[in-house]
Amino acid sequence: MDKFNQLKALIEGAEKDAEAFFNKNNKAAGTRLRNALQETKALSQEIRNDVTAKKNAK
């Protein structure tokens, strides 16, 4: 559950950069947003692996 909470926090943190990029055309915010999304992807994959391992352990 800790990783899921990390994922939620990461998404919440990226929201400000998403607003700055899409609404204000801030290119630096776009770069930060892309980096946050890449981290989100990696963390999501870790969570998926954990869920699969727990599901198959039973």
PDB file of N, CA and C in Angstrom:
ATOM      1  N   MET A   1       0.818  -1.187   0.000  1.00  0.00           N
ATOM      2  CA  MET A   1       0.000   0.000   0.000  1.00  0.00           C
ATOM      3  C   MET A   1       0.868   1.261   0.000  1.00  0.00           C
ATOM      4  N   ASP A   2       2.093   1.134   0.498  1.00  0.00           N
ATOM      5  CA  ASP A   2       3.003   2.289   0.519  1.00  0.00           C
ATOM      6  C   ASP A   2       3.312   2.776  -0.891  1.00  0.00           C
ATOM      7  N   LYS A   3       3.548   1.829  -1.796  1.00  0.00           N
ATOM      8  CA  LYS A   3       3.864   2.217  -3.178  1.00  0.00           C
ATOM      9  C   LYS A   3       2.671   2.890  -3.841  1.00  0.00           C
ATOM     10  N   PHE A   4       1.477   2.423  -3.513  1.00  0.00           N
ATOM     11  CA  PHE A   4       0.276   3.039  -4.078  1.00  0.00           C
ATOM     12  C   PHE A   4       0.144   4.477  -3.587  1.00  0.00           C
ATOM     13  N   ASN A   5       0.439   4.709  -2.322  1.00  0.00           N
ATOM     14  CA  ASN A   5       0.393   6.065  -1.778  1.00  0.00           C
ATOM     15  C   ASN A   5       1.464   6.944  -2.410  1.00  0.00           C
ATOM     16  N   GLN A   6       2.625   6.361  -2.700  1.00  0.00           N
ATOM     17  CA  GLN A   6       3.683   7.106  -3.394  1.00  0.00           C
ATOM     18  C   GLN A   6       3.201   7.510  -4.786  1.00  0.00           C
ATOM     19  N   LEU A   7       2.500   6.596  -5.447  1.00  0.00           N
ATOM     20  CA  LEU A   7       1.985   6.867  -6.782  1.00  0.00           C
ATOM     21  C   LEU A   7       0.979   8.022  -6.746  1.00  0.00           C
ATOM     22  N   LYS A   8       0.092   8.005  -5.763  1.00  0.00           N
ATOM     23  CA  LYS A   8      -0.886   9.085  -5.622  1.00  0.00           C
ATOM     24  C   LYS A   8      -0.186  10.419  -5.384  1.00  0.00           C
ATOM     25  N   ALA A   9       0.829  10.416  -4.538  1.00  0.00           N
ATOM     26  CA  ALA A   9       1.561  11.647  -4.241  1.00  0.00           C
ATOM     27  C   ALA A   9       2.296  12.161  -5.487  1.00  0.00           C
ATOM     28  N   LEU A  10       2.832  11.247  -6.257  1.00  0.00           N
ATOM     29  CA  LEU A  10       3.540  11.623  -7.481  1.00  0.00           C
ATOM     30  C   LEU A  10       2.584  12.283  -8.475  1.00  0.00           C
ATOM     31  N   ILE A  11       1.409  11.724  -8.614  1.00  0.00           N
ATOM     32  CA  ILE A  11       0.404  12.290  -9.522  1.00  0.00           C
ATOM     33  C   ILE A  11      -0.035  13.673  -9.035  1.00  0.00           C
ATOM     34  N   GLU A  12      -0.275  13.789  -7.743  1.00  0.00           N
ATOM     35  CA  GLU A  12      -0.685  15.074  -7.187  1.00  0.00           C
ATOM     36  C   GLU A  12       0.395  16.130  -7.388  1.00  0.00           C
ATOM     37  N   GLY A  13       1.661  15.729  -7.237  1.00  0.00           N
ATOM     38  CA  GLY A  13       2.761  16.662  -7.434  1.00  0.00           C
ATOM     39  C   GLY A  13       2.917  17.091  -8.885  1.00  0.00           C
ATOM     40  N   ALA A  14       2.577  16.206  -9.802  1.00  0.00           N
ATOM     41  CA  ALA A  14       2.716  16.507 -11.230  1.00  0.00           C
ATOM     42  C   ALA A  14       1.581  17.394 -11.731  1.00  0.00           C
ATOM     43  N   GLU A  15       0.512  17.499 -10.965  1.00  0.00           N
ATOM     44  CA  GLU A  15      -0.650  18.272 -11.413  1.00  0.00           C
ATOM     45  C   GLU A  15      -0.300  19.740 -11.664  1.00  0.00           C
ATOM     46  N   LYS A  16       0.527  20.326 -10.803  1.00  0.00           N
ATOM     47  CA  LYS A  16       0.913  21.727 -10.966  1.00  0.00           C
ATOM     48  C   LYS A  16       1.692  21.919 -12.272  1.00  0.00           C
ATOM     49  N   ASP A  17       2.593  20.984 -12.568  1.00  0.00           N
ATOM     50  CA  ASP A  17       3.359  21.088 -13.808  1.00  0.00           C
ATOM     51  C   ASP A  17       2.462  20.880 -15.027  1.00  0.00           C
ATOM     52  N   ALA A  18       1.471  20.006 -14.919  1.00  0.00           N
ATOM     53  CA  ALA A  18       0.545  19.782 -16.033  1.00  0.00           C
ATOM     54  C   ALA A  18      -0.246  21.049 -16.325  1.00  0.00           C
ATOM     55  N   GLU A  19      -0.715  21.703 -15.274  1.00  0.00           N
ATOM     56  CA  GLU A  19      -1.457  22.946 -15.472  1.00  0.00           C
ATOM     57  C   GLU A  19      -0.577  24.026 -16.091  1.00  0.00           C
ATOM     58  N   ALA A  20       0.664  24.128 -15.623  1.00  0.00           N
ATOM     59  CA  ALA A  20       1.576  25.141 -16.157  1.00  0.00           C
ATOM     60  C   ALA A  20       1.900  24.858 -17.623  1.00  0.00           C
ATOM     61  N   PHE A  21       2.064  23.602 -17.970  1.00  0.00           N
ATOM     62  CA  PHE A  21       2.402  23.268 -19.351  1.00  0.00           C
ATOM     63  C   PHE A  21       1.215  23.489 -20.289  1.00  0.00           C
ATOM     64  N   PHE A  22       0.067  22.944 -19.928  1.00  0.00           N
ATOM     65  CA  PHE A  22      -1.073  23.004 -20.836  1.00  0.00           C
ATOM     66  C   PHE A  22      -1.745  24.368 -20.865  1.00  0.00           C
ATOM     67  N   ASN A  23      -1.797  25.056 -19.738  1.00  0.00           N
ATOM     68  CA  ASN A  23      -2.502  26.338 -19.692  1.00  0.00           C
ATOM     69  C   ASN A  23      -1.608  27.539 -19.966  1.00  0.00           C
ATOM     70  N   LYS A  24      -0.318  27.426 -19.621  1.00  0.00           N
ATOM     71  CA  LYS A  24       0.580  28.574 -19.754  1.00  0.00           C
ATOM     72  C   LYS A  24       1.694  28.354 -20.771  1.00  0.00           C
ATOM     73  N   ASN A  25       1.703  27.189 -21.403  1.00  0.00           N
ATOM     74  CA  ASN A  25       2.733  26.841 -22.394  1.00  0.00           C
ATOM     75  C   ASN A  25       4.145  26.901 -21.823  1.00  0.00           C
ATOM     76  N   ASN A  26       4.306  26.512 -20.575  1.00  0.00           N
ATOM     77  CA  ASN A  26       5.600  26.512 -19.911  1.00  0.00           C
ATOM     78  C   ASN A  26       6.343  25.229 -20.294  1.00  0.00           C
ATOM     79  N   LYS A  27       7.376  25.363 -21.120  1.00  0.00           N
ATOM     80  CA  LYS A  27       8.083  24.192 -21.634  1.00  0.00           C
ATOM     81  C   LYS A  27       8.858  23.452 -20.546  1.00  0.00           C
ATOM     82  N   ALA A  28       9.409  24.177 -19.580  1.00  0.00           N
ATOM     83  CA  ALA A  28      10.135  23.527 -18.485  1.00  0.00           C
ATOM     84  C   ALA A  28       9.176  22.671 -17.659  1.00  0.00           C
ATOM     85  N   ALA A  29       7.963  23.133 -17.477  1.00  0.00           N
ATOM     86  CA  ALA A  29       6.967  22.353 -16.746  1.00  0.00           C
ATOM     87  C   ALA A  29       6.623  21.086 -17.525  1.00  0.00           C
ATOM     88  N   GLY A  30       6.639  21.173 -18.844  1.00  0.00           N
ATOM     89  CA  GLY A  30       6.405  19.986 -19.677  1.00  0.00           C
ATOM     90  C   GLY A  30       7.475  18.937 -19.469  1.00  0.00           C
ATOM     91  N   THR A  31       8.718  19.374 -19.355  1.00  0.00           N
ATOM     92  CA  THR A  31       9.823  18.445 -19.102  1.00  0.00           C
ATOM     93  C   THR A  31       9.661  17.791 -17.741  1.00  0.00           C
ATOM     94  N   ARG A  32       9.326  18.590 -16.729  1.00  0.00           N
ATOM     95  CA  ARG A  32       9.112  18.027 -15.388  1.00  0.00           C
ATOM     96  C   ARG A  32       7.931  17.063 -15.391  1.00  0.00           C
ATOM     97  N   LEU A  33       6.901  17.382 -16.140  1.00  0.00           N
ATOM     98  CA  LEU A  33       5.736  16.518 -16.231  1.00  0.00           C
ATOM     99  C   LEU A  33       6.092  15.190 -16.883  1.00  0.00           C
ATOM    100  N   ARG A  34       6.859  15.244 -17.951  1.00  0.00           N
ATOM    101  CA  ARG A  34       7.273  14.002 -18.619  1.00  0.00           C
ATOM    102  C   ARG A  34       8.107  13.134 -17.690  1.00  0.00           C
ATOM    103  N   ASN A  35       8.986  13.756 -16.911  1.00  0.00           N
ATOM    104  CA  ASN A  35       9.792  12.988 -15.953  1.00  0.00           C
ATOM    105  C   ASN A  35       8.915  12.359 -14.883  1.00  0.00           C
ATOM    106  N   ALA A  36       7.946  13.101 -14.395  1.00  0.00           N
ATOM    107  CA  ALA A  36       7.032  12.565 -13.381  1.00  0.00           C
ATOM    108  C   ALA A  36       6.214  11.416 -13.955  1.00  0.00           C
ATOM    109  N   LEU A  37       5.787  11.542 -15.201  1.00  0.00           N
ATOM    110  CA  LEU A  37       5.024  10.466 -15.828  1.00  0.00           C
ATOM    111  C   LEU A  37       5.874   9.213 -16.026  1.00  0.00           C
ATOM    112  N   GLN A  38       7.145   9.392 -16.325  1.00  0.00           N
ATOM    113  CA  GLN A  38       8.041   8.241 -16.462  1.00  0.00           C
ATOM    114  C   GLN A  38       8.197   7.534 -15.120  1.00  0.00           C
ATOM    115  N   GLU A  39       8.344   8.318 -14.040  1.00  0.00           N
ATOM    116  CA  GLU A  39       8.420   7.729 -12.703  1.00  0.00           C
ATOM    117  C   GLU A  39       7.123   7.020 -12.355  1.00  0.00           C
ATOM    118  N   THR A  40       6.005   7.603 -12.765  1.00  0.00           N
ATOM    119  CA  THR A  40       4.702   6.993 -12.534  1.00  0.00           C
ATOM    120  C   THR A  40       4.608   5.642 -13.229  1.00  0.00           C
ATOM    121  N   LYS A  41       5.101   5.597 -14.443  1.00  0.00           N
ATOM    122  CA  LYS A  41       5.084   4.348 -15.209  1.00  0.00           C
ATOM    123  C   LYS A  41       5.892   3.264 -14.497  1.00  0.00           C
ATOM    124  N   ALA A  42       7.083   3.616 -14.044  1.00  0.00           N
ATOM    125  CA  ALA A  42       7.942   2.644 -13.370  1.00  0.00           C
ATOM    126  C   ALA A  42       7.326   2.174 -12.054  1.00  0.00           C
ATOM    127  N   LEU A  43       6.790   3.102 -11.288  1.00  0.00           N
ATOM    128  CA  LEU A  43       6.179   2.748 -10.010  1.00  0.00           C
ATOM    129  C   LEU A  43       4.924   1.909 -10.229  1.00  0.00           C
ATOM    130  N   SER A  44       4.155   2.226 -11.256  1.00  0.00           N
ATOM    131  CA  SER A  44       2.967   1.434 -11.580  1.00  0.00           C
ATOM    132  C   SER A  44       3.344   0.002 -11.924  1.00  0.00           C
ATOM    133  N   GLN A  45       4.419  -0.162 -12.646  1.00  0.00           N
ATOM    134  CA  GLN A  45       4.874  -1.512 -13.004  1.00  0.00           C
ATOM    135  C   GLN A  45       5.290  -2.283 -11.760  1.00  0.00           C
ATOM    136  N   GLU A  46       5.967  -1.626 -10.828  1.00  0.00           N
ATOM    137  CA  GLU A  46       6.343  -2.275  -9.574  1.00  0.00           C
ATOM    138  C   GLU A  46       5.101  -2.721  -8.809  1.00  0.00           C
ATOM    139  N   ILE A  47       4.099  -1.866  -8.765  1.00  0.00           N
ATOM    140  CA  ILE A  47       2.858  -2.201  -8.066  1.00  0.00           C
ATOM    141  C   ILE A  47       2.180  -3.388  -8.746  1.00  0.00           C
ATOM    142  N   ARG A  48       2.145  -3.379 -10.057  1.00  0.00           N
ATOM    143  CA  ARG A  48       1.549  -4.507 -10.795  1.00  0.00           C
ATOM    144  C   ARG A  48       2.266  -5.804 -10.473  1.00  0.00           C
ATOM    145  N   ASN A  49       3.592  -5.756 -10.433  1.00  0.00           N
ATOM    146  CA  ASN A  49       4.360  -6.960 -10.114  1.00  0.00           C
ATOM    147  C   ASN A  49       4.067  -7.446  -8.699  1.00  0.00           C
ATOM    148  N   ASP A  50       3.961  -6.520  -7.759  1.00  0.00           N
ATOM    149  CA  ASP A  50       3.640  -6.881  -6.378  1.00  0.00           C
ATOM    150  C   ASP A  50       2.257  -7.518  -6.283  1.00  0.00           C
ATOM    151  N   VAL A  51       1.285  -6.941  -6.992  1.00  0.00           N
ATOM    152  CA  VAL A  51      -0.071  -7.482  -6.969  1.00  0.00           C
ATOM    153  C   VAL A  51      -0.101  -8.889  -7.566  1.00  0.00           C
ATOM    154  N   THR A  52       0.587  -9.078  -8.665  1.00  0.00           N
ATOM    155  CA  THR A  52       0.631 -10.401  -9.309  1.00  0.00           C
ATOM    156  C   THR A  52       1.291 -11.423  -8.389  1.00  0.00           C
ATOM    157  N   ALA A  53       2.391 -11.028  -7.759  1.00  0.00           N
ATOM    158  CA  ALA A  53       3.098 -11.952  -6.866  1.00  0.00           C
ATOM    159  C   ALA A  53       2.212 -12.328  -5.663  1.00  0.00           C
ATOM    160  N   LYS A  54       1.531 -11.360  -5.110  1.00  0.00           N
ATOM    161  CA  LYS A  54       0.654 -11.637  -3.960  1.00  0.00           C
ATOM    162  C   LYS A  54      -0.525 -12.501  -4.377  1.00  0.00           C
ATOM    163  N   LYS A  55      -1.084 -12.219  -5.554  1.00  0.00           N
ATOM    164  CA  LYS A  55      -2.225 -12.982  -6.043  1.00  0.00           C
ATOM    165  C   LYS A  55      -1.844 -14.445  -6.304  1.00  0.00           C
ATOM    166  N   ASN A  56      -0.673 -14.659  -6.856  1.00  0.00           N
ATOM    167  CA  ASN A  56      -0.227 -16.010  -7.189  1.00  0.00           C
ATOM    168  C   ASN A  56       0.315 -16.774  -5.979  1.00  0.00           C
ATOM    169  N   ALA A  57       0.581 -16.070  -4.892  1.00  0.00           N
ATOM    170  CA  ALA A  57       1.121 -16.739  -3.697  1.00  0.00           C
ATOM    171  C   ALA A  57       0.054 -17.544  -2.961  1.00  0.00           C
ATOM    172  N   LYS A  58      -1.202 -17.248  -3.214  1.00  0.00           N
ATOM    173  CA  LYS A  58      -2.286 -17.931  -2.488  1.00  0.00           C
ATOM    174  C   LYS A  58      -2.650 -19.237  -3.101  1.00  0.00           C
TER     175      LYS A  58
END
